[in-house]
Amino acid sequence: MRSLFFLLAFLLGSAQAQNFPSRPVRILVPAPPGSSPDIRARQIAPKLQEALGQPFVVENRPGGGGAGLIAAREAARAAPDGHTLLLALINSAIFDALSPDPCCRLNQELIPVSRFTMTPLVAVINPSVPAASLKELIDLGKKKPGSITYGSAGPGSSSQLVATWLESETGVKLLEVPYKGVNAELPDLVAGQIMAAFVVPQVVVAPVKAGKLRALAVLGDKRLAGLPDVPTSAEAGLPGVEALVWNGIFAPAGTPRPVIDILHRELVKAYNAPEIKAQVEATGSYVAADSPDEFAAFIRAEVAKWGKVGRSAGIKPPQ
């Protein structure tokens, strides 16, 4: 009986795949128009439309806390047929790690198709801070606990978690200055009102090259082409302390595997299109283009990592 059930499910999924997509496909983005996630979705939508013969429509659904729960809930409740997709962000995994909502957990109510981009955060400081390396910044903070101020995007944000991780790994004590949005701390950082930040490279490459900021480390496993002289976290003396913001496509649980396979195939082609790869790399990011199973394993590792960091410091999820 069990074998018959799986056979019928396979045949049904194969039949759905033969007709997929049969109507326009929606890509829900938990961020406003013009944001980085929105730009990413609009980069791949035309490629998917060209390959599969149906419109791929980007629909912005900002809100629902830092985890983008409005978009995630809508995607999880949609028919599991591949016609509604979600561009999920690192915030979703952080939320799952700190306070999972049974409506729309990654790897459960939402299943992975393929990861798109990976972007390592960069540790930067105002040039007035007397530190030429990450080690010197940490040593400075140890001499005067709480004297090093850093900007974050608020509770449960990746910037707060990175600072907390640094504290736990090195014993330094930093002073958080929370802001209401991602990258909102940059004007104060450049002006010297705060001392440090952990941000994506695309917003700091220009001020670093202009001497308005100093980059201390790339929190990833390889240096950036735009900042070739900036060491990785391992080279800076903190191996394993890596923080990369990412995004990727998910579908509602129950979507037939043959449909997932079609989406995965065309997404990987879109991600790796030369012009898209060039645009991604120009912002300090790179294309992951992994399989559904690899993406699922990556999500498990992210939830475990950030959950450990967050719980040890009593951090609340993004609101």
Protein backbone atom coordinates (compact mmCIF):
# COMPACT_ATOMS: atom_id res chain seq x y z
CA MET A 1 0.00 0.00 0.00
CA ARG A 2 2.83 2.39 0.88
CA SER A 3 4.58 1.65 -2.41
CA LEU A 4 1.36 2.32 -4.29
CA PHE A 5 0.99 5.69 -2.57
CA PHE A 6 4.49 6.76 -3.57
CA LEU A 7 3.96 5.53 -7.12
CA LEU A 8 0.76 7.55 -7.44
CA ALA A 9 2.45 10.61 -5.95
CA PHE A 10 5.31 10.25 -8.44
CA LEU A 11 2.97 9.90 -11.39
CA LEU A 12 0.93 12.90 -10.29
CA GLY A 13 4.08 14.98 -9.83
CA SER A 14 5.37 13.95 -13.24
CA ALA A 15 2.09 14.92 -14.86
CA GLN A 16 2.19 18.33 -13.16
CA ALA A 17 5.75 18.83 -14.31
CA GLN A 18 4.84 18.17 -17.94
CA ASN A 19 2.42 21.10 -17.83
CA PHE A 20 4.55 23.40 -15.67
CA PRO A 21 4.24 26.32 -15.66
CA SER A 22 0.67 26.56 -16.88
CA ARG A 23 0.17 30.18 -15.79
CA PRO A 24 2.25 33.14 -14.54
CA VAL A 25 4.62 32.40 -11.65
CA ARG A 26 4.89 34.80 -8.72
CA ILE A 27 8.16 35.49 -6.91
CA LEU A 28 7.36 37.01 -3.51
CA VAL A 29 10.06 39.30 -2.15
CA PRO A 30 10.04 40.29 1.57
CA ALA A 31 11.47 43.72 0.81
CA PRO A 32 10.37 46.94 -0.91
CA PRO A 33 10.96 47.85 -4.57
CA GLY A 34 14.50 49.00 -5.25
CA SER A 35 16.00 47.04 -2.35
CA SER A 36 18.83 44.58 -2.91
CA PRO A 37 16.55 41.48 -2.68
CA ASP A 38 14.11 43.11 -5.12
CA ILE A 39 16.94 43.78 -7.58
CA ARG A 40 18.09 40.18 -7.30
CA ALA A 41 14.61 38.82 -8.06
CA ARG A 42 14.21 41.13 -11.04
CA GLN A 43 17.57 40.00 -12.41
CA ILE A 44 16.43 36.40 -12.78
CA ALA A 45 12.71 36.81 -13.59
CA PRO A 46 13.21 37.62 -17.31
CA LYS A 47 15.56 34.64 -17.72
CA LEU A 48 13.01 32.28 -16.18
CA GLN A 49 10.22 33.72 -18.30
CA GLU A 50 12.26 33.27 -21.46
CA ALA A 51 13.14 29.67 -20.59
CA LEU A 52 9.73 28.49 -19.39
CA GLY A 53 7.35 30.51 -21.55
CA GLN A 54 5.27 32.07 -18.77
CA PRO A 55 5.63 35.45 -17.02
CA PHE A 56 7.60 35.42 -13.77
CA VAL A 57 6.18 38.33 -11.80
CA VAL A 58 8.05 39.87 -8.86
CA GLU A 59 5.65 40.91 -6.09
CA ASN A 60 6.97 42.89 -3.13
CA ARG A 61 5.66 41.92 0.31
CA PRO A 62 7.70 43.89 2.86
CA GLY A 63 6.76 43.72 6.53
CA GLY A 64 6.12 41.06 9.11
CA GLY A 65 9.21 41.77 11.17
CA GLY A 66 12.80 41.27 10.19
CA ALA A 67 11.99 37.75 9.00
CA GLY A 68 9.63 39.02 6.30
CA LEU A 69 6.74 36.94 7.62
CA ILE A 70 4.14 38.54 5.34
CA ALA A 71 5.83 37.16 2.24
CA ALA A 72 6.74 33.86 3.92
CA ARG A 73 3.20 33.21 5.13
CA GLU A 74 1.70 33.94 1.74
CA ALA A 75 4.18 31.63 0.04
CA ALA A 76 3.68 28.80 2.55
CA ARG A 77 -0.11 28.97 2.15
CA ALA A 78 -0.02 28.98 -1.64
CA ALA A 79 -0.89 25.94 -3.72
CA PRO A 80 2.14 23.62 -3.82
CA ASP A 81 2.41 23.58 -7.58
CA GLY A 82 5.43 25.80 -8.27
CA HIS A 83 3.47 28.86 -9.32
CA THR A 84 4.26 30.78 -6.12
CA LEU A 85 7.87 31.13 -5.01
CA LEU A 86 9.63 33.00 -2.21
CA LEU A 87 12.99 34.75 -2.34
CA ALA A 88 13.98 34.08 1.27
CA LEU A 89 16.80 35.91 3.04
CA ILE A 90 19.22 35.18 5.88
CA ASN A 91 16.73 36.93 8.21
CA SER A 92 14.35 33.99 7.77
CA ALA A 93 16.96 31.52 9.03
CA ILE A 94 17.84 33.78 11.95
CA PHE A 95 14.16 33.98 12.90
CA ASP A 96 13.88 30.19 12.64
CA ALA A 97 16.91 29.90 14.91
CA LEU A 98 15.69 32.29 17.60
CA SER A 99 11.89 32.09 17.49
CA PRO A 100 10.50 29.85 14.74
CA ASP A 101 6.95 30.46 13.54
CA PRO A 102 5.21 27.18 12.58
CA CYS A 103 3.53 28.99 9.69
CA CYS A 104 6.55 29.20 7.47
CA ARG A 105 9.80 27.61 8.58
CA LEU A 106 12.55 27.04 6.04
CA ASN A 107 13.04 23.34 5.23
CA GLN A 108 9.58 22.58 6.60
CA GLU A 109 6.62 24.65 5.40
CA LEU A 110 8.91 26.10 2.73
CA ILE A 111 11.30 23.87 0.81
CA PRO A 112 14.51 25.01 -0.89
CA VAL A 113 15.03 25.11 -4.63
CA SER A 114 18.40 26.84 -5.02
CA ARG A 115 20.49 29.48 -3.30
CA PHE A 116 21.22 32.59 -5.36
CA THR A 117 23.84 34.93 -3.89
CA MET A 118 26.25 34.91 -0.98
CA THR A 119 27.65 38.17 0.37
CA PRO A 120 30.28 38.28 3.13
CA LEU A 121 29.97 41.10 5.64
CA VAL A 122 32.93 43.44 6.04
CA ALA A 123 34.18 44.75 9.39
CA VAL A 124 34.83 48.48 8.95
CA ILE A 125 35.78 51.33 11.26
CA ASN A 126 36.04 55.08 11.16
CA PRO A 127 39.65 56.08 10.33
CA SER A 128 39.87 58.02 13.59
CA VAL A 129 39.88 54.72 15.51
CA PRO A 130 43.51 53.83 16.32
CA ALA A 131 43.40 50.30 14.92
CA ALA A 132 44.95 49.04 11.69
CA SER A 133 43.67 45.47 12.02
CA LEU A 134 40.83 43.49 13.55
CA LYS A 135 43.20 42.23 16.25
CA GLU A 136 44.17 45.79 17.16
CA LEU A 137 40.49 46.78 17.37
CA ILE A 138 39.80 43.85 19.69
CA ASP A 139 42.83 44.67 21.84
CA LEU A 140 41.66 48.28 22.04
CA GLY A 141 38.23 47.14 23.16
CA LYS A 142 39.67 44.84 25.80
CA LYS A 143 41.66 47.67 27.35
CA LYS A 144 38.49 49.74 27.74
CA PRO A 145 35.44 47.43 27.79
CA GLY A 146 32.44 49.03 26.13
CA SER A 147 34.49 51.81 24.57
CA ILE A 148 34.13 50.50 21.00
CA THR A 149 30.72 51.46 19.59
CA TYR A 150 29.23 49.65 16.62
CA GLY A 151 26.08 50.16 14.59
CA SER A 152 23.55 47.37 14.15
CA ALA A 153 20.23 46.96 12.39
CA GLY A 154 18.60 46.14 15.71
CA PRO A 155 17.66 43.01 17.69
CA GLY A 156 18.34 39.74 15.93
CA SER A 157 20.01 41.39 12.96
CA SER A 158 23.05 39.79 11.35
CA SER A 159 25.18 42.76 12.42
CA GLN A 160 24.20 42.30 16.07
CA LEU A 161 24.82 38.57 15.90
CA VAL A 162 28.25 39.06 14.32
CA ALA A 163 29.28 41.47 17.08
CA THR A 164 27.99 39.04 19.71
CA TRP A 165 29.96 36.25 18.09
CA LEU A 166 33.13 38.34 18.14
CA GLU A 167 32.56 39.04 21.81
CA SER A 168 32.14 35.36 22.66
CA GLU A 169 35.20 34.33 20.61
CA THR A 170 37.59 37.01 21.86
CA GLY A 171 36.31 38.23 25.23
CA VAL A 172 35.99 41.82 24.04
CA LYS A 173 32.94 43.86 25.07
CA LEU A 174 31.46 46.14 22.40
CA LEU A 175 28.77 48.80 22.80
CA GLU A 176 25.84 48.38 20.41
CA VAL A 177 24.11 51.39 18.86
CA PRO A 178 20.94 50.04 17.20
CA TYR A 179 19.45 51.63 14.08
CA LYS A 180 16.06 51.13 12.46
CA GLY A 181 17.26 49.68 9.19
CA VAL A 182 20.05 47.86 7.38
CA ASN A 183 22.96 50.18 6.53
CA ALA A 184 21.25 53.07 8.37
CA GLU A 185 24.35 53.43 10.53
CA LEU A 186 26.64 54.39 7.63
CA PRO A 187 26.23 58.20 7.81
CA ASP A 188 27.09 58.16 11.52
CA LEU A 189 30.00 55.79 10.92
CA VAL A 190 31.50 58.04 8.25
CA ALA A 191 30.93 61.06 10.50
CA GLY A 192 32.70 59.35 13.39
CA GLN A 193 29.68 59.27 15.71
CA ILE A 194 30.06 55.50 15.95
CA MET A 195 33.30 53.57 15.54
CA ALA A 196 32.57 50.30 13.76
CA ALA A 197 30.05 48.35 11.70
CA PHE A 198 29.58 45.01 9.97
CA VAL A 199 28.03 45.63 6.57
CA VAL A 200 27.83 44.35 2.99
CA PRO A 201 30.73 45.35 0.74
CA GLN A 202 28.71 47.20 -1.90
CA VAL A 203 27.95 50.05 0.52
CA VAL A 204 31.51 50.50 1.81
CA VAL A 205 33.86 49.87 -1.12
CA ALA A 206 33.63 53.50 -2.30
CA PRO A 207 34.11 55.13 1.13
CA VAL A 208 36.95 52.72 1.93
CA LYS A 209 38.75 53.59 -1.32
CA ALA A 210 38.12 57.29 -0.60
CA GLY A 211 39.72 56.97 2.84
CA LYS A 212 36.46 57.73 4.67
CA LEU A 213 36.34 54.25 6.23
CA ARG A 214 38.91 51.56 7.02
CA ALA A 215 38.12 47.91 6.25
CA LEU A 216 39.63 45.44 8.71
CA ALA A 217 38.35 42.05 7.57
CA VAL A 218 36.09 40.26 5.11
CA LEU A 219 33.98 37.84 7.16
CA GLY A 220 34.16 35.09 4.56
CA ASP A 221 36.57 32.46 3.28
CA LYS A 222 38.02 34.49 0.40
CA ARG A 223 39.10 38.03 -0.29
CA LEU A 224 36.99 40.38 -2.38
CA ALA A 225 38.05 41.63 -5.79
CA GLY A 226 36.85 45.11 -4.83
CA LEU A 227 38.91 45.09 -1.61
CA PRO A 228 41.90 42.89 -2.50
CA ASP A 229 44.09 44.10 0.36
CA VAL A 230 41.53 43.35 3.08
CA PRO A 231 42.18 39.99 4.81
CA THR A 232 39.57 37.32 5.46
CA SER A 233 38.50 36.65 9.04
CA ALA A 234 40.84 33.64 9.15
CA GLU A 235 43.75 35.73 7.89
CA ALA A 236 42.84 38.36 10.48
CA GLY A 237 43.19 35.78 13.26
CA LEU A 238 39.59 34.61 13.69
CA PRO A 239 39.20 31.37 11.72
CA GLY A 240 35.64 30.12 11.53
CA VAL A 241 34.02 33.47 12.29
CA GLU A 242 32.25 33.91 9.00
CA ALA A 243 29.05 35.84 8.33
CA LEU A 244 27.51 35.92 4.89
CA VAL A 245 24.12 37.31 4.00
CA TRP A 246 22.34 35.25 1.39
CA ASN A 247 19.13 34.77 -0.53
CA GLY A 248 17.51 31.88 -2.37
CA ILE A 249 14.31 30.54 -3.86
CA PHE A 250 11.82 28.45 -1.87
CA ALA A 251 8.53 26.80 -2.78
CA PRO A 252 5.60 25.64 -0.61
CA ALA A 253 6.07 22.23 0.99
CA GLY A 254 4.39 19.55 -1.07
CA THR A 255 5.50 20.96 -4.41
CA PRO A 256 6.25 17.89 -6.56
CA ARG A 257 9.94 17.08 -6.91
CA PRO A 258 9.74 17.07 -10.75
CA VAL A 259 8.51 20.68 -10.59
CA ILE A 260 11.28 21.57 -8.13
CA ASP A 261 13.78 19.99 -10.52
CA ILE A 262 12.54 22.12 -13.43
CA LEU A 263 12.76 25.27 -11.35
CA HIS A 264 16.20 24.33 -10.08
CA ARG A 265 17.51 23.67 -13.58
CA GLU A 266 16.34 27.02 -14.92
CA LEU A 267 17.33 28.98 -11.82
CA VAL A 268 20.90 27.69 -12.03
CA LYS A 269 21.04 28.70 -15.69
CA ALA A 270 19.74 32.17 -14.80
CA TYR A 271 22.13 32.58 -11.87
CA ASN A 272 25.09 31.62 -14.05
CA ALA A 273 24.20 33.80 -17.03
CA PRO A 274 27.38 35.84 -17.69
CA GLU A 275 25.71 39.24 -17.32
CA ILE A 276 24.00 38.26 -14.06
CA LYS A 277 27.20 36.78 -12.58
CA ALA A 278 29.05 39.95 -13.52
CA GLN A 279 26.40 42.14 -11.85
CA VAL A 280 26.49 39.99 -8.72
CA GLU A 281 30.28 39.97 -8.47
CA ALA A 282 30.44 43.73 -9.01
CA THR A 283 28.63 44.16 -5.66
CA GLY A 284 31.03 41.92 -3.72
CA SER A 285 28.77 38.87 -3.86
CA TYR A 286 29.01 35.53 -5.63
CA VAL A 287 26.57 32.98 -7.04
CA ALA A 288 25.95 29.77 -5.08
CA ALA A 289 23.57 27.91 -7.46
CA ASP A 290 23.42 24.80 -5.28
CA SER A 291 21.03 21.85 -5.40
CA PRO A 292 17.86 21.62 -3.27
CA ASP A 293 19.55 19.10 -0.96
CA GLU A 294 22.70 21.21 -0.63
CA PHE A 295 20.61 24.29 0.08
CA ALA A 296 18.65 22.39 2.74
CA ALA A 297 21.90 21.34 4.45
CA PHE A 298 23.14 24.92 4.32
CA ILE A 299 19.93 26.14 5.99
CA ARG A 300 20.31 23.59 8.78
CA ALA A 301 23.86 24.78 9.39
CA GLU A 302 22.78 28.45 9.41
CA VAL A 303 19.97 27.82 11.88
CA ALA A 304 22.30 25.86 14.16
CA LYS A 305 25.07 28.48 13.98
CA TRP A 306 22.97 31.57 14.60
CA GLY A 307 20.81 29.78 17.13
CA LYS A 308 23.87 28.96 19.23
CA VAL A 309 25.15 32.54 19.00
CA GLY A 310 21.77 34.09 19.73
CA ARG A 311 20.76 31.84 22.59
CA SER A 312 24.06 32.18 24.40
CA ALA A 313 23.59 35.96 24.44
CA GLY A 314 19.84 35.98 25.04
CA ILE A 315 19.19 37.76 21.74
CA LYS A 316 15.58 38.14 20.66
CA PRO A 317 14.49 37.58 17.04
CA PRO A 318 14.15 40.51 14.60
CA GLN A 319 10.83 42.30 14.96
